[in-house]
Amino acid sequence: MYFDKPYHSWERGLNENTNGLLRRFFPKGMELGKLPKSQIDDAMFRINARPRKMLNYWSPLEFLAGRRVSLMLAF
């Protein structure tokens, strides 16, 4: 998570959005250090599998998989 100046959320919109996504899985005040790695990995997978408007509604996983294939074909 990124912590910026209090009450300046407009400075880091992407970070605010990502923090909001993380809060869906981990409520405020929850100690992340006590969670099993599998639960954190599951949340990370779900966030990365979510479609994004900036990627033409592809998920980051789909987008990066396509990039990887195109790079392998280029060499």
PDB file of N, CA and C in Angstrom:
ATOM      1  N   MET A   1       0.830  -1.172   0.000  1.00  0.00           N
ATOM      2  CA  MET A   1       0.000   0.000   0.000  1.00  0.00           C
ATOM      3  C   MET A   1       0.878   1.240   0.000  1.00  0.00           C
ATOM      4  N   TYR A   2       0.326   2.307  -0.500  1.00  0.00           N
ATOM      5  CA  TYR A   2       1.041   3.578  -0.556  1.00  0.00           C
ATOM      6  C   TYR A   2       0.334   4.559   0.358  1.00  0.00           C
ATOM      7  N   PHE A   3       1.086   5.238   1.179  1.00  0.00           N
ATOM      8  CA  PHE A   3       0.506   6.219   2.087  1.00  0.00           C
ATOM      9  C   PHE A   3       1.004   7.598   1.680  1.00  0.00           C
ATOM     10  N   ASP A   4       0.086   8.448   1.271  1.00  0.00           N
ATOM     11  CA  ASP A   4       0.474   9.799   0.870  1.00  0.00           C
ATOM     12  C   ASP A   4      -0.028  10.792   1.915  1.00  0.00           C
ATOM     13  N   LYS A   5       0.031  12.062   1.586  1.00  0.00           N
ATOM     14  CA  LYS A   5      -0.395  13.101   2.523  1.00  0.00           C
ATOM     15  C   LYS A   5      -1.869  12.906   2.889  1.00  0.00           C
ATOM     16  N   PRO A   6      -2.205  13.057   4.156  1.00  0.00           N
ATOM     17  CA  PRO A   6      -3.614  12.932   4.539  1.00  0.00           C
ATOM     18  C   PRO A   6      -4.494  13.931   3.791  1.00  0.00           C
ATOM     19  N   TYR A   7      -5.630  13.475   3.366  1.00  0.00           N
ATOM     20  CA  TYR A   7      -6.638  14.285   2.667  1.00  0.00           C
ATOM     21  C   TYR A   7      -6.154  14.798   1.308  1.00  0.00           C
ATOM     22  N   HIS A   8      -5.187  14.131   0.692  1.00  0.00           N
ATOM     23  CA  HIS A   8      -4.711  14.470  -0.648  1.00  0.00           C
ATOM     24  C   HIS A   8      -4.870  13.261  -1.572  1.00  0.00           C
ATOM     25  N   SER A   9      -6.011  12.636  -1.542  1.00  0.00           N
ATOM     26  CA  SER A   9      -6.215  11.407  -2.306  1.00  0.00           C
ATOM     27  C   SER A   9      -6.138  11.626  -3.812  1.00  0.00           C
ATOM     28  N   TRP A  10      -6.359  12.840  -4.271  1.00  0.00           N
ATOM     29  CA  TRP A  10      -6.305  13.118  -5.705  1.00  0.00           C
ATOM     30  C   TRP A  10      -4.880  13.029  -6.251  1.00  0.00           C
ATOM     31  N   GLU A  11      -3.879  13.041  -5.380  1.00  0.00           N
ATOM     32  CA  GLU A  11      -2.494  13.000  -5.837  1.00  0.00           C
ATOM     33  C   GLU A  11      -2.093  11.622  -6.362  1.00  0.00           C
ATOM     34  N   ARG A  12      -2.698  10.579  -5.842  1.00  0.00           N
ATOM     35  CA  ARG A  12      -2.321   9.225  -6.224  1.00  0.00           C
ATOM     36  C   ARG A  12      -3.570   8.386  -6.471  1.00  0.00           C
ATOM     37  N   GLY A  13      -4.262   8.666  -7.554  1.00  0.00           N
ATOM     38  CA  GLY A  13      -5.520   7.994  -7.850  1.00  0.00           C
ATOM     39  C   GLY A  13      -5.388   6.496  -8.002  1.00  0.00           C
ATOM     40  N   LEU A  14      -4.360   6.038  -8.699  1.00  0.00           N
ATOM     41  CA  LEU A  14      -4.164   4.599  -8.895  1.00  0.00           C
ATOM     42  C   LEU A  14      -3.957   3.897  -7.560  1.00  0.00           C
ATOM     43  N   ASN A  15      -3.194   4.520  -6.680  1.00  0.00           N
ATOM     44  CA  ASN A  15      -2.957   3.914  -5.377  1.00  0.00           C
ATOM     45  C   ASN A  15      -4.235   3.868  -4.546  1.00  0.00           C
ATOM     46  N   GLU A  16      -5.037   4.917  -4.626  1.00  0.00           N
ATOM     47  CA  GLU A  16      -6.308   4.927  -3.901  1.00  0.00           C
ATOM     48  C   GLU A  16      -7.222   3.816  -4.411  1.00  0.00           C
ATOM     49  N   ASN A  17      -7.261   3.632  -5.715  1.00  0.00           N
ATOM     50  CA  ASN A  17      -8.081   2.580  -6.301  1.00  0.00           C
ATOM     51  C   ASN A  17      -7.590   1.203  -5.853  1.00  0.00           C
ATOM     52  N   THR A  18      -6.285   1.004  -5.886  1.00  0.00           N
ATOM     53  CA  THR A  18      -5.718  -0.280  -5.473  1.00  0.00           C
ATOM     54  C   THR A  18      -5.964  -0.529  -3.993  1.00  0.00           C
ATOM     55  N   ASN A  19      -5.819   0.495  -3.172  1.00  0.00           N
ATOM     56  CA  ASN A  19      -6.116   0.341  -1.746  1.00  0.00           C
ATOM     57  C   ASN A  19      -7.573  -0.053  -1.537  1.00  0.00           C
ATOM     58  N   GLY A  20      -8.473   0.515  -2.329  1.00  0.00           N
ATOM     59  CA  GLY A  20      -9.884   0.151  -2.237  1.00  0.00           C
ATOM     60  C   GLY A  20     -10.122  -1.302  -2.605  1.00  0.00           C
ATOM     61  N   LEU A  21      -9.426  -1.774  -3.638  1.00  0.00           N
ATOM     62  CA  LEU A  21      -9.543  -3.184  -4.021  1.00  0.00           C
ATOM     63  C   LEU A  21      -9.028  -4.090  -2.907  1.00  0.00           C
ATOM     64  N   LEU A  22      -7.917  -3.708  -2.307  1.00  0.00           N
ATOM     65  CA  LEU A  22      -7.365  -4.513  -1.210  1.00  0.00           C
ATOM     66  C   LEU A  22      -8.303  -4.547  -0.015  1.00  0.00           C
ATOM     67  N   ARG A  23      -8.996  -3.441   0.239  1.00  0.00           N
ATOM     68  CA  ARG A  23      -9.922  -3.378   1.375  1.00  0.00           C
ATOM     69  C   ARG A  23     -11.113  -4.318   1.193  1.00  0.00           C
ATOM     70  N   ARG A  24     -11.418  -4.702  -0.016  1.00  0.00           N
ATOM     71  CA  ARG A  24     -12.499  -5.676  -0.225  1.00  0.00           C
ATOM     72  C   ARG A  24     -12.132  -7.035   0.357  1.00  0.00           C
ATOM     73  N   PHE A  25     -10.838  -7.332   0.368  1.00  0.00           N
ATOM     74  CA  PHE A  25     -10.368  -8.617   0.877  1.00  0.00           C
ATOM     75  C   PHE A  25      -9.881  -8.532   2.320  1.00  0.00           C
ATOM     76  N   PHE A  26      -9.298  -7.390   2.664  1.00  0.00           N
ATOM     77  CA  PHE A  26      -8.698  -7.227   3.985  1.00  0.00           C
ATOM     78  C   PHE A  26      -9.219  -5.942   4.617  1.00  0.00           C
ATOM     79  N   PRO A  27     -10.181  -6.045   5.543  1.00  0.00           N
ATOM     80  CA  PRO A  27     -10.749  -4.849   6.169  1.00  0.00           C
ATOM     81  C   PRO A  27      -9.691  -4.040   6.923  1.00  0.00           C
ATOM     82  N   LYS A  28      -9.955  -2.771   7.083  1.00  0.00           N
ATOM     83  CA  LYS A  28      -9.045  -1.875   7.789  1.00  0.00           C
ATOM     84  C   LYS A  28      -8.822  -2.388   9.211  1.00  0.00           C
ATOM     85  N   GLY A  29      -7.595  -2.361   9.652  1.00  0.00           N
ATOM     86  CA  GLY A  29      -7.266  -2.819  10.995  1.00  0.00           C
ATOM     87  C   GLY A  29      -6.837  -4.270  11.060  1.00  0.00           C
ATOM     88  N   MET A  30      -7.019  -5.014   9.978  1.00  0.00           N
ATOM     89  CA  MET A  30      -6.620  -6.416   9.954  1.00  0.00           C
ATOM     90  C   MET A  30      -5.095  -6.507   9.880  1.00  0.00           C
ATOM     91  N   GLU A  31      -4.514  -7.400  10.656  1.00  0.00           N
ATOM     92  CA  GLU A  31      -3.063  -7.575  10.642  1.00  0.00           C
ATOM     93  C   GLU A  31      -2.686  -8.526   9.512  1.00  0.00           C
ATOM     94  N   LEU A  32      -2.096  -7.979   8.471  1.00  0.00           N
ATOM     95  CA  LEU A  32      -1.753  -8.782   7.300  1.00  0.00           C
ATOM     96  C   LEU A  32      -0.657  -9.791   7.604  1.00  0.00           C
ATOM     97  N   GLY A  33       0.183  -9.505   8.566  1.00  0.00           N
ATOM     98  CA  GLY A  33       1.266 -10.421   8.918  1.00  0.00           C
ATOM     99  C   GLY A  33       0.780 -11.732   9.504  1.00  0.00           C
ATOM    100  N   LYS A  34      -0.447 -11.755  10.001  1.00  0.00           N
ATOM    101  CA  LYS A  34      -0.988 -12.970  10.613  1.00  0.00           C
ATOM    102  C   LYS A  34      -1.785 -13.827   9.634  1.00  0.00           C
ATOM    103  N   LEU A  35      -1.960 -13.339   8.412  1.00  0.00           N
ATOM    104  CA  LEU A  35      -2.734 -14.087   7.422  1.00  0.00           C
ATOM    105  C   LEU A  35      -1.887 -15.172   6.777  1.00  0.00           C
ATOM    106  N   PRO A  36      -2.507 -16.297   6.415  1.00  0.00           N
ATOM    107  CA  PRO A  36      -1.746 -17.314   5.675  1.00  0.00           C
ATOM    108  C   PRO A  36      -1.406 -16.808   4.274  1.00  0.00           C
ATOM    109  N   LYS A  37      -0.263 -17.233   3.771  1.00  0.00           N
ATOM    110  CA  LYS A  37       0.193 -16.804   2.449  1.00  0.00           C
ATOM    111  C   LYS A  37      -0.826 -17.169   1.375  1.00  0.00           C
ATOM    112  N   SER A  38      -1.518 -18.284   1.547  1.00  0.00           N
ATOM    113  CA  SER A  38      -2.505 -18.713   0.549  1.00  0.00           C
ATOM    114  C   SER A  38      -3.641 -17.699   0.421  1.00  0.00           C
ATOM    115  N   GLN A  39      -4.046 -17.083   1.518  1.00  0.00           N
ATOM    116  CA  GLN A  39      -5.124 -16.089   1.474  1.00  0.00           C
ATOM    117  C   GLN A  39      -4.657 -14.821   0.759  1.00  0.00           C
ATOM    118  N   ILE A  40      -3.426 -14.415   0.996  1.00  0.00           N
ATOM    119  CA  ILE A  40      -2.874 -13.240   0.315  1.00  0.00           C
ATOM    120  C   ILE A  40      -2.700 -13.530  -1.170  1.00  0.00           C
ATOM    121  N   ASP A  41      -2.211 -14.729  -1.505  1.00  0.00           N
ATOM    122  CA  ASP A  41      -2.047 -15.116  -2.910  1.00  0.00           C
ATOM    123  C   ASP A  41      -3.386 -15.148  -3.640  1.00  0.00           C
ATOM    124  N   ASP A  42      -4.439 -15.619  -2.957  1.00  0.00           N
ATOM    125  CA  ASP A  42      -5.767 -15.662  -3.567  1.00  0.00           C
ATOM    126  C   ASP A  42      -6.272 -14.251  -3.869  1.00  0.00           C
ATOM    127  N   ALA A  43      -6.096 -13.334  -2.934  1.00  0.00           N
ATOM    128  CA  ALA A  43      -6.516 -11.942  -3.160  1.00  0.00           C
ATOM    129  C   ALA A  43      -5.720 -11.327  -4.303  1.00  0.00           C
ATOM    130  N   MET A  44      -4.423 -11.586  -4.353  1.00  0.00           N
ATOM    131  CA  MET A  44      -3.578 -11.054  -5.420  1.00  0.00           C
ATOM    132  C   MET A  44      -4.029 -11.596  -6.780  1.00  0.00           C
ATOM    133  N   PHE A  45      -4.346 -12.882  -6.841  1.00  0.00           N
ATOM    134  CA  PHE A  45      -4.812 -13.467  -8.097  1.00  0.00           C
ATOM    135  C   PHE A  45      -6.131 -12.837  -8.530  1.00  0.00           C
ATOM    136  N   ARG A  46      -7.060 -12.674  -7.587  1.00  0.00           N
ATOM    137  CA  ARG A  46      -8.363 -12.098  -7.937  1.00  0.00           C
ATOM    138  C   ARG A  46      -8.247 -10.658  -8.427  1.00  0.00           C
ATOM    139  N   ILE A  47      -7.359  -9.890  -7.822  1.00  0.00           N
ATOM    140  CA  ILE A  47      -7.155  -8.508  -8.264  1.00  0.00           C
ATOM    141  C   ILE A  47      -6.532  -8.490  -9.651  1.00  0.00           C
ATOM    142  N   ASN A  48      -5.556  -9.359  -9.894  1.00  0.00           N
ATOM    143  CA  ASN A  48      -4.885  -9.388 -11.196  1.00  0.00           C
ATOM    144  C   ASN A  48      -5.730 -10.032 -12.289  1.00  0.00           C
ATOM    145  N   ALA A  49      -6.774 -10.756 -11.917  1.00  0.00           N
ATOM    146  CA  ALA A  49      -7.662 -11.374 -12.902  1.00  0.00           C
ATOM    147  C   ALA A  49      -8.856 -10.479 -13.229  1.00  0.00           C
ATOM    148  N   ARG A  50      -8.928  -9.333 -12.591  1.00  0.00           N
ATOM    149  CA  ARG A  50     -10.047  -8.401 -12.798  1.00  0.00           C
ATOM    150  C   ARG A  50      -9.810  -7.559 -14.058  1.00  0.00           C
ATOM    151  N   PRO A  51     -10.790  -7.482 -14.957  1.00  0.00           N
ATOM    152  CA  PRO A  51     -10.610  -6.679 -16.183  1.00  0.00           C
ATOM    153  C   PRO A  51     -10.415  -5.198 -15.861  1.00  0.00           C
ATOM    154  N   ARG A  52      -9.590  -4.537 -16.667  1.00  0.00           N
ATOM    155  CA  ARG A  52      -9.295  -3.116 -16.480  1.00  0.00           C
ATOM    156  C   ARG A  52      -9.644  -2.341 -17.731  1.00  0.00           C
ATOM    157  N   LYS A  53     -10.280  -1.206 -17.556  1.00  0.00           N
ATOM    158  CA  LYS A  53     -10.662  -0.359 -18.680  1.00  0.00           C
ATOM    159  C   LYS A  53      -9.432   0.074 -19.475  1.00  0.00           C
ATOM    160  N   MET A  54      -8.346   0.432 -18.777  1.00  0.00           N
ATOM    161  CA  MET A  54      -7.148   0.914 -19.464  1.00  0.00           C
ATOM    162  C   MET A  54      -6.459  -0.172 -20.295  1.00  0.00           C
ATOM    163  N   LEU A  55      -6.809  -1.433 -20.071  1.00  0.00           N
ATOM    164  CA  LEU A  55      -6.259  -2.540 -20.857  1.00  0.00           C
ATOM    165  C   LEU A  55      -7.294  -3.069 -21.844  1.00  0.00           C
ATOM    166  N   ASN A  56      -8.236  -2.202 -22.226  1.00  0.00           N
ATOM    167  CA  ASN A  56      -9.300  -2.578 -23.157  1.00  0.00           C
ATOM    168  C   ASN A  56     -10.126  -3.751 -22.611  1.00  0.00           C
ATOM    169  N   TYR A  57     -10.374  -3.691 -21.312  1.00  0.00           N
ATOM    170  CA  TYR A  57     -11.179  -4.672 -20.581  1.00  0.00           C
ATOM    171  C   TYR A  57     -10.559  -6.066 -20.577  1.00  0.00           C
ATOM    172  N   TRP A  58      -9.256  -6.132 -20.689  1.00  0.00           N
ATOM    173  CA  TRP A  58      -8.525  -7.371 -20.437  1.00  0.00           C
ATOM    174  C   TRP A  58      -8.051  -7.312 -18.991  1.00  0.00           C
ATOM    175  N   SER A  59      -7.847  -8.460 -18.402  1.00  0.00           N
ATOM    176  CA  SER A  59      -7.248  -8.474 -17.072  1.00  0.00           C
ATOM    177  C   SER A  59      -5.738  -8.324 -17.235  1.00  0.00           C
ATOM    178  N   PRO A  60      -5.045  -7.873 -16.203  1.00  0.00           N
ATOM    179  CA  PRO A  60      -3.586  -7.800 -16.307  1.00  0.00           C
ATOM    180  C   PRO A  60      -2.963  -9.148 -16.650  1.00  0.00           C
ATOM    181  N   LEU A  61      -3.534 -10.239 -16.136  1.00  0.00           N
ATOM    182  CA  LEU A  61      -3.000 -11.567 -16.455  1.00  0.00           C
ATOM    183  C   LEU A  61      -3.145 -11.880 -17.938  1.00  0.00           C
ATOM    184  N   GLU A  62      -4.313 -11.587 -18.506  1.00  0.00           N
ATOM    185  CA  GLU A  62      -4.528 -11.830 -19.937  1.00  0.00           C
ATOM    186  C   GLU A  62      -3.616 -10.944 -20.778  1.00  0.00           C
ATOM    187  N   PHE A  63      -3.495  -9.687 -20.382  1.00  0.00           N
ATOM    188  CA  PHE A  63      -2.673  -8.737 -21.125  1.00  0.00           C
ATOM    189  C   PHE A  63      -1.212  -9.172 -21.136  1.00  0.00           C
ATOM    190  N   LEU A  64      -0.702  -9.529 -19.964  1.00  0.00           N
ATOM    191  CA  LEU A  64       0.702  -9.939 -19.884  1.00  0.00           C
ATOM    192  C   LEU A  64       0.949 -11.271 -20.578  1.00  0.00           C
ATOM    193  N   ALA A  65      -0.016 -12.175 -20.538  1.00  0.00           N
ATOM    194  CA  ALA A  65       0.140 -13.447 -21.252  1.00  0.00           C
ATOM    195  C   ALA A  65       0.226 -13.196 -22.749  1.00  0.00           C
ATOM    196  N   GLY A  66      -0.579 -12.286 -23.269  1.00  0.00           N
ATOM    197  CA  GLY A  66      -0.525 -11.942 -24.688  1.00  0.00           C
ATOM    198  C   GLY A  66       0.793 -11.292 -25.053  1.00  0.00           C
ATOM    199  N   ARG A  67       1.310 -10.435 -24.178  1.00  0.00           N
ATOM    200  CA  ARG A  67       2.609  -9.784 -24.418  1.00  0.00           C
ATOM    201  C   ARG A  67       3.724 -10.824 -24.445  1.00  0.00           C
ATOM    202  N   ARG A  68       3.631 -11.770 -23.539  1.00  0.00           N
ATOM    203  CA  ARG A  68       4.670 -12.803 -23.455  1.00  0.00           C
ATOM    204  C   ARG A  68       4.706 -13.633 -24.729  1.00  0.00           C
ATOM    205  N   VAL A  69       3.534 -14.012 -25.230  1.00  0.00           N
ATOM    206  CA  VAL A  69       3.464 -14.796 -26.463  1.00  0.00           C
ATOM    207  C   VAL A  69       4.016 -13.990 -27.625  1.00  0.00           C
ATOM    208  N   SER A  70       3.651 -12.712 -27.723  1.00  0.00           N
ATOM    209  CA  SER A  70       4.133 -11.903 -28.839  1.00  0.00           C
ATOM    210  C   SER A  70       5.645 -11.694 -28.755  1.00  0.00           C
ATOM    211  N   LEU A  71       6.186 -11.596 -27.547  1.00  0.00           N
ATOM    212  CA  LEU A  71       7.639 -11.469 -27.403  1.00  0.00           C
ATOM    213  C   LEU A  71       8.352 -12.758 -27.792  1.00  0.00           C
ATOM    214  N   MET A  72       7.772 -13.896 -27.431  1.00  0.00           N
ATOM    215  CA  MET A  72       8.390 -15.177 -27.791  1.00  0.00           C
ATOM    216  C   MET A  72       8.372 -15.370 -29.299  1.00  0.00           C
ATOM    217  N   LEU A  73       7.315 -14.924 -29.960  1.00  0.00           N
ATOM    218  CA  LEU A  73       7.232 -15.062 -31.410  1.00  0.00           C
ATOM    219  C   LEU A  73       8.177 -14.100 -32.122  1.00  0.00           C
ATOM    220  N   ALA A  74       8.519 -12.998 -31.465  1.00  0.00           N
ATOM    221  CA  ALA A  74       9.404 -12.012 -32.081  1.00  0.00           C
ATOM    222  C   ALA A  74      10.851 -12.499 -32.142  1.00  0.00           C
ATOM    223  N   PHE A  75      11.214 -13.435 -31.295  1.00  0.00           N
ATOM    224  CA  PHE A  75      12.606 -13.907 -31.270  1.00  0.00           C
ATOM    225  C   PHE A  75      12.753 -15.218 -31.922  1.00  0.00           C
TER     226      PHE A  75
END
